C-alpha atoms as a PDB file:
ATOM      1  CA  MET A   1       0.000   0.000   0.000  1.00  0.00           C
ATOM      2  CA  ALA A   2       2.840   2.394   0.785  1.00  0.00           C
ATOM      3  CA  ASN A   3       4.355   1.658  -2.620  1.00  0.00           C
ATOM      4  CA  ARG A   4       1.101   2.592  -4.394  1.00  0.00           C
ATOM      5  CA  ALA A   5       0.742   5.752  -2.307  1.00  0.00           C
ATOM      6  CA  PHE A   6       4.276   6.792  -3.232  1.00  0.00           C
ATOM      7  CA  GLU A   7       3.572   6.161  -6.945  1.00  0.00           C
ATOM      8  CA  MET A   8       0.451   8.318  -6.779  1.00  0.00           C
ATOM      9  CA  LEU A   9       2.346  11.088  -4.973  1.00  0.00           C
ATOM     10  CA  ILE A  10       5.051  11.140  -7.642  1.00  0.00           C
ATOM     11  CA  ARG A  11       2.452  11.086 -10.424  1.00  0.00           C
ATOM     12  CA  SER A  12       0.407  13.965  -9.019  1.00  0.00           C
ATOM     13  CA  GLN A  13       3.546  16.010  -8.333  1.00  0.00           C
ATOM     14  CA  SER A  14       4.737  15.413 -11.901  1.00  0.00           C
ATOM     15  CA  LEU A  15       1.403  16.479 -13.367  1.00  0.00           C
ATOM     16  CA  GLY A  16       1.474  19.606 -11.211  1.00  0.00           C
ATOM     17  CA  ASN A  17       4.979  20.416 -12.421  1.00  0.00           C
ATOM     18  CA  ILE A  18       3.961  19.992 -16.053  1.00  0.00           C
ATOM     19  CA  GLU A  19       0.957  22.242 -15.558  1.00  0.00           C
ATOM     20  CA  SER A  20       3.163  24.902 -13.931  1.00  0.00           C
ATOM     21  CA  ILE A  21       5.679  24.749 -16.775  1.00  0.00           C
ATOM     22  CA  LEU A  22       2.951  25.109 -19.403  1.00  0.00           C
ATOM     23  CA  THR A  23       1.327  27.993 -17.507  1.00  0.00           C
ATOM     24  CA  LEU A  24       4.619  29.871 -17.162  1.00  0.00           C
ATOM     25  CA  ALA A  25       5.507  29.268 -20.806  1.00  0.00           C
ATOM     26  CA  ASN A  26       2.121  30.594 -21.890  1.00  0.00           C
ATOM     27  CA  ARG A  27       2.431  33.619 -19.617  1.00  0.00           C
ATOM     28  CA  ASP A  28       5.880  34.458 -20.984  1.00  0.00           C
ATOM     29  CA  GLN A  29       4.806  33.734 -24.578  1.00  0.00           C
ATOM     30  CA  PHE A  30       7.081  30.739 -25.031  1.00  0.00           C
ATOM     31  CA  GLN A  31       6.152  27.586 -26.865  1.00  0.00           C
ATOM     32  CA  ALA A  32       6.291  24.410 -24.774  1.00  0.00           C
ATOM     33  CA  ASN A  33       5.921  20.901 -26.188  1.00  0.00           C
ATOM     34  CA  ILE A  34       5.284  17.800 -24.109  1.00  0.00           C
ATOM     35  CA  THR A  35       5.857  14.185 -25.053  1.00  0.00           C
ATOM     36  CA  TYR A  36       5.981  10.940 -23.117  1.00  0.00           C
ATOM     37  CA  ILE A  37       7.376   7.435 -23.330  1.00  0.00           C
ATOM     38  CA  PRO A  38       4.600   4.853 -23.658  1.00  0.00           C
ATOM     39  CA  LYS A  39       4.602   1.865 -21.305  1.00  0.00           C
ATOM     40  CA  GLU A  40       5.032  -0.422 -24.318  1.00  0.00           C
ATOM     41  CA  PHE A  41       8.581   0.891 -24.815  1.00  0.00           C
ATOM     42  CA  GLN A  42      10.564  -1.663 -22.838  1.00  0.00           C
ATOM     43  CA  ARG A  43      13.980  -1.392 -24.500  1.00  0.00           C
ATOM     44  CA  LYS A  44      16.924  -0.761 -22.177  1.00  0.00           C
ATOM     45  CA  PRO A  45      20.216   0.909 -23.142  1.00  0.00           C
ATOM     46  CA  GLN A  46      23.173  -1.429 -23.595  1.00  0.00           C
ATOM     47  CA  GLU A  47      25.651   1.133 -22.212  1.00  0.00           C
ATOM     48  CA  PRO A  48      25.500   4.550 -20.477  1.00  0.00           C
ATOM     49  CA  PHE A  49      25.695   6.361 -23.841  1.00  0.00           C
ATOM     50  CA  ASP A  50      23.805   4.170 -26.302  1.00  0.00           C
ATOM     51  CA  PRO A  51      23.192   6.077 -29.574  1.00  0.00           C
ATOM     52  CA  GLU A  52      20.840   3.414 -30.989  1.00  0.00           C
ATOM     53  CA  TYR A  53      18.697   3.515 -27.851  1.00  0.00           C
ATOM     54  CA  MET A  54      18.591   7.327 -27.874  1.00  0.00           C
ATOM     55  CA  THR A  55      17.696   7.398 -31.581  1.00  0.00           C
ATOM     56  CA  GLU A  56      14.797   4.991 -31.012  1.00  0.00           C
ATOM     57  CA  LEU A  57      13.645   6.915 -27.944  1.00  0.00           C
ATOM     58  CA  PHE A  58      13.723  10.202 -29.860  1.00  0.00           C
ATOM     59  CA  ALA A  59      11.726   8.664 -32.725  1.00  0.00           C
ATOM     60  CA  ILE A  60       9.025   7.480 -30.314  1.00  0.00           C
ATOM     61  CA  GLY A  61       8.804  10.887 -28.643  1.00  0.00           C
ATOM     62  CA  TYR A  62       8.698  12.691 -31.959  1.00  0.00           C
END
């Protein structure tokens, strides 16, 4: 139960942060774009700097 509560806390805090960023960007007349990584993306990098992994991750976000 504590694990689930922690997950929900992190999720709600993240959503609040995103909303704040978008509000500030709008106020200051900046463009802000949001993307996310779907749960289906399960690939893990093979090394700390994995160009193939980053290329695939960028393509999914784009």
